[in-house]
Amino acid sequence: MKIENLFNNPLQETPKQGDQKQKQLIKESNPEEQNLSETVIAPENLRECGPEIVELEEMLVSFELIHSLPELHLIIDLKPEDTSKYPLRESAKAALIPIVAKLNILKKETNIAPEKHEELKAKYKRLSRAVGIINSNNKVDHNR
């Protein structure tokens, strides 16, 4: 069994508790860039992907029914400390976490074809781009 770190992101520092005026040190992260350790599974031990593909596709559809992509794209100017003023974006950002987790599980633990995984990943990226990432200029980047 082989364990590897798939992402080489540095650990993020958080402000000391109680120091409300300290500049926020945590940059907003994309769920697919989180530090994770994974076990590599032998090809003969991979699960059938069909049911999990259906589950992921349902998650993608549900996301769009709950979170308006056009409204998310309208959020452009946003300081990290003001994110709570945009509950639509905050809930959409949180809803992406289980979607990307399922996408990663499909790739690592099932017999999904690479083409099908890329198709599902493209659907996820469409949602992720609607949420966007806050860049250093306090602009929401909807193109990453």
N, C-alpha and C. Protein backbone atom coordinates (compact mmCIF):
# COMPACT_ATOMS: atom_id res chain seq x y z
N MET A 1 0.85 -1.17 0.00
CA MET A 1 0.00 0.00 0.00
C MET A 1 0.90 1.24 0.00
N LYS A 2 0.62 2.18 -0.88
CA LYS A 2 1.43 3.38 -1.02
C LYS A 2 0.61 4.58 -0.60
N ILE A 3 1.18 5.45 0.20
CA ILE A 3 0.49 6.67 0.62
C ILE A 3 1.30 7.83 0.08
N GLU A 4 0.58 8.79 -0.50
CA GLU A 4 1.27 9.93 -1.07
C GLU A 4 0.49 11.20 -0.83
N ASN A 5 1.17 12.33 -0.79
CA ASN A 5 0.54 13.64 -0.69
C ASN A 5 0.33 14.13 -2.12
N LEU A 6 -0.94 14.28 -2.52
CA LEU A 6 -1.24 14.67 -3.89
C LEU A 6 -1.10 16.16 -4.14
N PHE A 7 -1.07 16.94 -3.09
CA PHE A 7 -1.01 18.38 -3.24
C PHE A 7 0.17 18.90 -2.45
N ASN A 8 0.90 19.81 -3.02
CA ASN A 8 2.08 20.36 -2.35
C ASN A 8 1.82 21.76 -1.83
N ASN A 9 0.66 21.97 -1.24
CA ASN A 9 0.32 23.28 -0.69
C ASN A 9 0.91 23.41 0.71
N PRO A 10 1.44 24.58 1.05
CA PRO A 10 1.93 24.78 2.41
C PRO A 10 0.75 24.86 3.38
N LEU A 11 1.00 24.49 4.61
CA LEU A 11 -0.06 24.61 5.61
C LEU A 11 -0.34 26.09 5.82
N GLN A 12 -1.59 26.40 6.10
CA GLN A 12 -1.99 27.79 6.26
C GLN A 12 -1.96 28.17 7.74
N GLU A 13 -1.52 29.38 8.02
CA GLU A 13 -1.53 29.86 9.38
C GLU A 13 -2.83 30.61 9.62
N THR A 14 -3.32 30.52 10.84
CA THR A 14 -4.55 31.24 11.18
C THR A 14 -4.21 32.33 12.18
N PRO A 15 -5.00 33.41 12.18
CA PRO A 15 -4.74 34.48 13.15
C PRO A 15 -4.95 33.98 14.57
N LYS A 16 -4.22 34.57 15.52
CA LYS A 16 -4.40 34.21 16.91
C LYS A 16 -5.81 34.59 17.34
N GLN A 17 -6.42 33.71 18.12
CA GLN A 17 -7.79 33.95 18.56
C GLN A 17 -7.80 35.20 19.43
N GLY A 18 -8.80 36.04 19.27
CA GLY A 18 -8.94 37.25 20.06
C GLY A 18 -8.30 38.46 19.42
N ASP A 19 -7.48 38.27 18.43
CA ASP A 19 -6.85 39.39 17.75
C ASP A 19 -7.67 39.74 16.52
N GLN A 20 -8.78 40.45 16.74
CA GLN A 20 -9.75 40.74 15.68
C GLN A 20 -9.19 41.65 14.60
N LYS A 21 -8.22 42.50 14.94
CA LYS A 21 -7.74 43.48 13.97
C LYS A 21 -6.58 42.96 13.14
N GLN A 22 -6.05 41.78 13.50
CA GLN A 22 -4.93 41.23 12.73
C GLN A 22 -5.41 40.88 11.33
N LYS A 23 -4.61 41.20 10.34
CA LYS A 23 -4.98 40.92 8.96
C LYS A 23 -5.16 39.43 8.76
N GLN A 24 -6.19 39.06 8.05
CA GLN A 24 -6.50 37.65 7.82
C GLN A 24 -5.36 37.01 7.03
N LEU A 25 -4.81 35.90 7.59
CA LEU A 25 -3.67 35.24 6.97
C LEU A 25 -4.08 34.10 6.07
N ILE A 26 -5.29 33.62 6.22
CA ILE A 26 -5.71 32.49 5.41
C ILE A 26 -6.27 33.00 4.10
N LYS A 27 -5.67 32.58 3.02
CA LYS A 27 -6.22 32.90 1.71
C LYS A 27 -7.32 31.88 1.43
N GLU A 28 -8.34 32.33 0.75
CA GLU A 28 -9.42 31.42 0.42
C GLU A 28 -8.88 30.32 -0.46
N SER A 29 -9.22 29.08 -0.14
CA SER A 29 -8.69 27.97 -0.92
C SER A 29 -9.79 27.31 -1.73
N ASN A 30 -9.36 26.68 -2.77
CA ASN A 30 -10.24 25.91 -3.62
C ASN A 30 -10.32 24.52 -3.03
N PRO A 31 -11.52 23.93 -2.89
CA PRO A 31 -11.63 22.62 -2.26
C PRO A 31 -10.74 21.56 -2.90
N GLU A 32 -10.52 21.62 -4.20
CA GLU A 32 -9.71 20.60 -4.84
C GLU A 32 -8.23 20.78 -4.57
N GLU A 33 -7.83 21.88 -3.90
CA GLU A 33 -6.43 22.12 -3.58
C GLU A 33 -6.11 21.80 -2.13
N GLN A 34 -7.02 21.20 -1.39
CA GLN A 34 -6.79 20.90 0.01
C GLN A 34 -5.75 19.79 0.15
N ASN A 35 -4.99 19.85 1.26
CA ASN A 35 -3.99 18.82 1.53
C ASN A 35 -4.70 17.53 1.91
N LEU A 36 -4.43 16.47 1.18
CA LEU A 36 -5.03 15.17 1.45
C LEU A 36 -3.98 14.09 1.26
N SER A 37 -4.07 13.04 2.06
CA SER A 37 -3.26 11.86 1.85
C SER A 37 -4.18 10.77 1.37
N GLU A 38 -3.72 9.99 0.42
CA GLU A 38 -4.58 8.95 -0.13
C GLU A 38 -3.83 7.64 -0.27
N THR A 39 -4.57 6.57 -0.20
CA THR A 39 -4.04 5.24 -0.42
C THR A 39 -4.29 4.87 -1.87
N VAL A 40 -3.28 4.34 -2.53
CA VAL A 40 -3.44 3.89 -3.91
C VAL A 40 -3.99 2.46 -3.87
N ILE A 41 -5.06 2.22 -4.61
CA ILE A 41 -5.73 0.92 -4.63
C ILE A 41 -5.35 0.18 -5.91
N ALA A 42 -5.05 -1.09 -5.75
CA ALA A 42 -4.70 -1.92 -6.91
C ALA A 42 -5.88 -1.98 -7.87
N PRO A 43 -5.63 -2.00 -9.19
CA PRO A 43 -6.72 -1.99 -10.18
C PRO A 43 -7.76 -3.08 -9.97
N GLU A 44 -7.34 -4.26 -9.54
CA GLU A 44 -8.30 -5.35 -9.35
C GLU A 44 -9.20 -5.14 -8.13
N ASN A 45 -8.85 -4.20 -7.27
CA ASN A 45 -9.65 -3.94 -6.07
C ASN A 45 -10.54 -2.69 -6.20
N LEU A 46 -10.56 -2.07 -7.37
CA LEU A 46 -11.39 -0.88 -7.59
C LEU A 46 -12.87 -1.26 -7.62
N ARG A 47 -13.72 -0.37 -7.08
CA ARG A 47 -15.16 -0.59 -7.07
C ARG A 47 -15.77 -0.23 -8.42
N GLU A 48 -16.95 -0.77 -8.66
CA GLU A 48 -17.75 -0.42 -9.84
C GLU A 48 -18.14 1.05 -9.71
N CYS A 49 -17.93 1.84 -10.74
CA CYS A 49 -18.15 3.28 -10.67
C CYS A 49 -19.60 3.72 -10.89
N GLY A 50 -20.40 2.88 -11.53
CA GLY A 50 -21.75 3.29 -11.94
C GLY A 50 -22.58 3.97 -10.87
N PRO A 51 -22.80 3.35 -9.71
CA PRO A 51 -23.64 3.98 -8.69
C PRO A 51 -23.07 5.30 -8.19
N GLU A 52 -21.75 5.39 -8.11
CA GLU A 52 -21.15 6.62 -7.61
C GLU A 52 -21.17 7.73 -8.65
N ILE A 53 -21.15 7.37 -9.92
CA ILE A 53 -21.31 8.38 -10.97
C ILE A 53 -22.72 8.97 -10.88
N VAL A 54 -23.71 8.11 -10.69
CA VAL A 54 -25.09 8.58 -10.55
C VAL A 54 -25.19 9.52 -9.36
N GLU A 55 -24.58 9.14 -8.25
CA GLU A 55 -24.62 9.97 -7.04
C GLU A 55 -23.98 11.34 -7.29
N LEU A 56 -22.81 11.35 -7.96
CA LEU A 56 -22.14 12.62 -8.24
C LEU A 56 -22.97 13.47 -9.18
N GLU A 57 -23.55 12.88 -10.21
CA GLU A 57 -24.37 13.66 -11.14
C GLU A 57 -25.58 14.26 -10.42
N GLU A 58 -26.16 13.52 -9.47
CA GLU A 58 -27.26 14.07 -8.68
C GLU A 58 -26.79 15.25 -7.82
N MET A 59 -25.59 15.14 -7.28
CA MET A 59 -25.02 16.24 -6.49
C MET A 59 -24.83 17.48 -7.35
N LEU A 60 -24.35 17.30 -8.58
CA LEU A 60 -24.13 18.42 -9.49
C LEU A 60 -25.45 19.11 -9.84
N VAL A 61 -26.48 18.32 -10.14
CA VAL A 61 -27.79 18.88 -10.48
C VAL A 61 -28.37 19.61 -9.27
N SER A 62 -28.26 18.99 -8.11
CA SER A 62 -28.78 19.59 -6.89
C SER A 62 -28.11 20.93 -6.59
N PHE A 63 -26.80 21.00 -6.82
CA PHE A 63 -26.06 22.24 -6.60
C PHE A 63 -26.67 23.36 -7.43
N GLU A 64 -26.91 23.08 -8.70
CA GLU A 64 -27.45 24.12 -9.59
C GLU A 64 -28.87 24.51 -9.25
N LEU A 65 -29.64 23.57 -8.71
CA LEU A 65 -31.01 23.89 -8.31
C LEU A 65 -31.04 24.80 -7.08
N ILE A 66 -30.06 24.64 -6.22
CA ILE A 66 -30.01 25.40 -4.96
C ILE A 66 -29.26 26.71 -5.11
N HIS A 67 -28.19 26.71 -5.89
CA HIS A 67 -27.31 27.88 -6.02
C HIS A 67 -27.38 28.44 -7.44
N SER A 68 -27.78 29.68 -7.55
CA SER A 68 -27.91 30.33 -8.85
C SER A 68 -26.52 30.67 -9.41
N LEU A 69 -26.15 30.00 -10.49
CA LEU A 69 -24.84 30.28 -11.10
C LEU A 69 -24.75 31.72 -11.62
N PRO A 70 -25.80 32.24 -12.27
CA PRO A 70 -25.71 33.64 -12.71
C PRO A 70 -25.51 34.62 -11.55
N GLU A 71 -26.19 34.38 -10.43
CA GLU A 71 -26.01 35.26 -9.26
C GLU A 71 -24.61 35.13 -8.68
N LEU A 72 -24.08 33.93 -8.66
CA LEU A 72 -22.71 33.74 -8.17
C LEU A 72 -21.71 34.47 -9.04
N HIS A 73 -21.92 34.44 -10.35
CA HIS A 73 -21.00 35.14 -11.27
C HIS A 73 -21.05 36.65 -11.09
N LEU A 74 -22.13 37.16 -10.52
CA LEU A 74 -22.24 38.61 -10.30
C LEU A 74 -21.40 39.09 -9.12
N ILE A 75 -20.95 38.19 -8.27
CA ILE A 75 -20.12 38.57 -7.12
C ILE A 75 -18.70 38.73 -7.63
N ILE A 76 -18.24 39.99 -7.65
CA ILE A 76 -16.94 40.30 -8.24
C ILE A 76 -15.98 40.93 -7.23
N ASP A 77 -16.42 41.95 -6.53
CA ASP A 77 -15.57 42.63 -5.54
C ASP A 77 -15.88 42.06 -4.17
N LEU A 78 -14.86 41.47 -3.54
CA LEU A 78 -15.11 40.81 -2.26
C LEU A 78 -13.81 40.67 -1.48
N LYS A 79 -13.79 41.29 -0.30
CA LYS A 79 -12.65 41.13 0.60
C LYS A 79 -12.87 39.84 1.38
N PRO A 80 -11.81 39.10 1.69
CA PRO A 80 -11.96 37.85 2.45
C PRO A 80 -12.74 38.03 3.74
N GLU A 81 -12.56 39.15 4.42
CA GLU A 81 -13.28 39.37 5.68
C GLU A 81 -14.76 39.69 5.49
N ASP A 82 -15.18 39.95 4.25
CA ASP A 82 -16.58 40.27 3.98
C ASP A 82 -17.36 39.08 3.39
N THR A 83 -16.76 37.92 3.36
CA THR A 83 -17.42 36.78 2.73
C THR A 83 -18.75 36.42 3.38
N SER A 84 -18.88 36.67 4.69
CA SER A 84 -20.13 36.33 5.38
C SER A 84 -21.31 37.19 4.90
N LYS A 85 -21.03 38.28 4.21
CA LYS A 85 -22.09 39.14 3.68
C LYS A 85 -22.73 38.55 2.42
N TYR A 86 -22.16 37.44 1.95
CA TYR A 86 -22.66 36.79 0.75
C TYR A 86 -23.02 35.33 1.07
N PRO A 87 -24.15 35.12 1.74
CA PRO A 87 -24.51 33.74 2.15
C PRO A 87 -24.68 32.79 0.97
N LEU A 88 -25.12 33.29 -0.18
CA LEU A 88 -25.26 32.44 -1.36
C LEU A 88 -23.90 31.85 -1.74
N ARG A 89 -22.89 32.70 -1.77
CA ARG A 89 -21.55 32.24 -2.13
C ARG A 89 -20.97 31.32 -1.07
N GLU A 90 -21.18 31.66 0.20
CA GLU A 90 -20.65 30.83 1.28
C GLU A 90 -21.27 29.44 1.27
N SER A 91 -22.57 29.36 1.07
CA SER A 91 -23.21 28.03 1.04
C SER A 91 -22.81 27.27 -0.22
N ALA A 92 -22.64 27.96 -1.33
CA ALA A 92 -22.19 27.30 -2.57
C ALA A 92 -20.77 26.77 -2.41
N LYS A 93 -19.92 27.57 -1.79
CA LYS A 93 -18.54 27.16 -1.56
C LYS A 93 -18.50 25.90 -0.69
N ALA A 94 -19.31 25.88 0.35
CA ALA A 94 -19.37 24.70 1.23
C ALA A 94 -19.93 23.49 0.50
N ALA A 95 -20.89 23.71 -0.40
CA ALA A 95 -21.51 22.61 -1.15
C ALA A 95 -20.55 21.98 -2.16
N LEU A 96 -19.51 22.70 -2.53
CA LEU A 96 -18.52 22.15 -3.47
C LEU A 96 -17.64 21.09 -2.81
N ILE A 97 -17.47 21.15 -1.50
CA ILE A 97 -16.55 20.25 -0.80
C ILE A 97 -16.93 18.78 -0.99
N PRO A 98 -18.18 18.38 -0.72
CA PRO A 98 -18.50 16.97 -0.94
C PRO A 98 -18.49 16.57 -2.42
N ILE A 99 -18.72 17.52 -3.30
CA ILE A 99 -18.69 17.22 -4.73
C ILE A 99 -17.28 16.87 -5.17
N VAL A 100 -16.31 17.70 -4.79
CA VAL A 100 -14.92 17.42 -5.18
C VAL A 100 -14.41 16.18 -4.46
N ALA A 101 -14.87 15.94 -3.25
CA ALA A 101 -14.47 14.72 -2.54
C ALA A 101 -14.96 13.49 -3.29
N LYS A 102 -16.21 13.51 -3.75
CA LYS A 102 -16.77 12.38 -4.50
C LYS A 102 -16.02 12.22 -5.83
N LEU A 103 -15.69 13.32 -6.47
CA LEU A 103 -14.94 13.27 -7.73
C LEU A 103 -13.57 12.60 -7.51
N ASN A 104 -12.91 12.96 -6.42
CA ASN A 104 -11.61 12.36 -6.11
C ASN A 104 -11.75 10.88 -5.76
N ILE A 105 -12.78 10.53 -5.03
CA ILE A 105 -13.03 9.13 -4.68
C ILE A 105 -13.28 8.32 -5.95
N LEU A 106 -14.07 8.86 -6.86
CA LEU A 106 -14.33 8.16 -8.12
C LEU A 106 -13.03 7.84 -8.85
N LYS A 107 -12.14 8.81 -8.90
CA LYS A 107 -10.87 8.62 -9.63
C LYS A 107 -9.97 7.60 -8.95
N LYS A 108 -9.89 7.65 -7.63
CA LYS A 108 -8.92 6.82 -6.91
C LYS A 108 -9.45 5.45 -6.51
N GLU A 109 -10.77 5.32 -6.30
CA GLU A 109 -11.29 4.08 -5.71
C GLU A 109 -12.22 3.28 -6.61
N THR A 110 -12.51 3.81 -7.81
CA THR A 110 -13.43 3.09 -8.70
C THR A 110 -12.78 2.84 -10.06
N ASN A 111 -13.48 2.10 -10.88
CA ASN A 111 -12.97 1.77 -12.21
C ASN A 111 -13.46 2.76 -13.28
N ILE A 112 -13.65 4.01 -12.90
CA ILE A 112 -14.14 5.02 -13.84
C ILE A 112 -13.14 5.22 -14.98
N ALA A 113 -13.67 5.35 -16.18
CA ALA A 113 -12.84 5.61 -17.36
C ALA A 113 -12.30 7.05 -17.27
N PRO A 114 -11.07 7.27 -17.68
CA PRO A 114 -10.50 8.62 -17.61
C PRO A 114 -11.35 9.66 -18.35
N GLU A 115 -11.94 9.27 -19.47
CA GLU A 115 -12.76 10.21 -20.24
C GLU A 115 -14.00 10.63 -19.44
N LYS A 116 -14.63 9.67 -18.78
CA LYS A 116 -15.82 9.97 -17.98
C LYS A 116 -15.45 10.85 -16.79
N HIS A 117 -14.30 10.57 -16.18
CA HIS A 117 -13.86 11.39 -15.05
C HIS A 117 -13.62 12.82 -15.51
N GLU A 118 -12.99 13.00 -16.66
CA GLU A 118 -12.75 14.35 -17.19
C GLU A 118 -14.06 15.07 -17.48
N GLU A 119 -15.05 14.35 -17.98
CA GLU A 119 -16.37 14.94 -18.25
C GLU A 119 -17.00 15.44 -16.95
N LEU A 120 -16.96 14.62 -15.91
CA LEU A 120 -17.52 15.02 -14.62
C LEU A 120 -16.72 16.15 -13.99
N LYS A 121 -15.41 16.11 -14.16
CA LYS A 121 -14.55 17.17 -13.63
C LYS A 121 -14.87 18.51 -14.30
N ALA A 122 -15.16 18.49 -15.58
CA ALA A 122 -15.53 19.71 -16.31
C ALA A 122 -16.83 20.28 -15.76
N LYS A 123 -17.77 19.41 -15.43
CA LYS A 123 -19.04 19.87 -14.83
C LYS A 123 -18.78 20.50 -13.47
N TYR A 124 -17.91 19.87 -12.68
CA TYR A 124 -17.55 20.43 -11.37
C TYR A 124 -16.89 21.79 -11.54
N LYS A 125 -15.95 21.91 -12.48
CA LYS A 125 -15.23 23.17 -12.68
C LYS A 125 -16.19 24.30 -13.06
N ARG A 126 -17.21 23.98 -13.80
CA ARG A 126 -18.22 24.99 -14.16
C ARG A 126 -18.85 25.57 -12.90
N LEU A 127 -19.16 24.72 -11.94
CA LEU A 127 -19.75 25.16 -10.68
C LEU A 127 -18.71 25.91 -9.84
N SER A 128 -17.51 25.37 -9.79
CA SER A 128 -16.44 25.98 -9.01
C SER A 128 -16.11 27.38 -9.52
N ARG A 129 -16.11 27.54 -10.82
CA ARG A 129 -15.83 28.86 -11.40
C ARG A 129 -16.93 29.87 -11.08
N ALA A 130 -18.15 29.39 -10.96
CA ALA A 130 -19.24 30.29 -10.59
C ALA A 130 -19.00 30.84 -9.18
N VAL A 131 -18.52 30.00 -8.28
CA VAL A 131 -18.20 30.44 -6.92
C VAL A 131 -16.97 31.32 -6.96
N GLY A 132 -15.95 30.91 -7.69
CA GLY A 132 -14.74 31.71 -7.85
C GLY A 132 -13.81 31.64 -6.66
N ILE A 133 -12.67 32.31 -6.82
CA ILE A 133 -11.64 32.40 -5.78
C ILE A 133 -11.27 33.87 -5.62
N ILE A 134 -11.16 34.32 -4.38
CA ILE A 134 -10.79 35.71 -4.13
C ILE A 134 -9.28 35.84 -4.36
N ASN A 135 -8.91 36.76 -5.25
CA ASN A 135 -7.48 36.96 -5.51
C ASN A 135 -6.92 38.08 -4.64
N SER A 136 -5.67 38.40 -4.80
CA SER A 136 -5.00 39.39 -3.95
C SER A 136 -5.53 40.81 -4.13
N ASN A 137 -6.27 41.05 -5.21
CA ASN A 137 -6.86 42.39 -5.44
C ASN A 137 -8.28 42.48 -4.94
N ASN A 138 -8.70 41.52 -4.11
CA ASN A 138 -10.07 41.45 -3.58
C ASN A 138 -11.12 41.37 -4.69
N LYS A 139 -10.75 40.71 -5.75
CA LYS A 139 -11.66 40.42 -6.85
C LYS A 139 -11.92 38.92 -6.86
N VAL A 140 -13.14 38.56 -7.18
CA VAL A 140 -13.46 37.14 -7.30
C VAL A 140 -13.12 36.71 -8.71
N ASP A 141 -12.19 35.78 -8.81
CA ASP A 141 -11.74 35.24 -10.09
C ASP A 141 -12.64 34.07 -10.45
N HIS A 142 -13.41 34.23 -11.51
CA HIS A 142 -14.34 33.20 -11.97
C HIS A 142 -13.76 32.38 -13.13
N ASN A 143 -12.46 32.51 -13.36
CA ASN A 143 -11.86 31.83 -14.52
C ASN A 143 -10.90 30.70 -14.16
N ARG A 144 -10.65 30.46 -12.90
CA ARG A 144 -9.70 29.39 -12.51
C ARG A 144 -10.39 28.07 -12.43
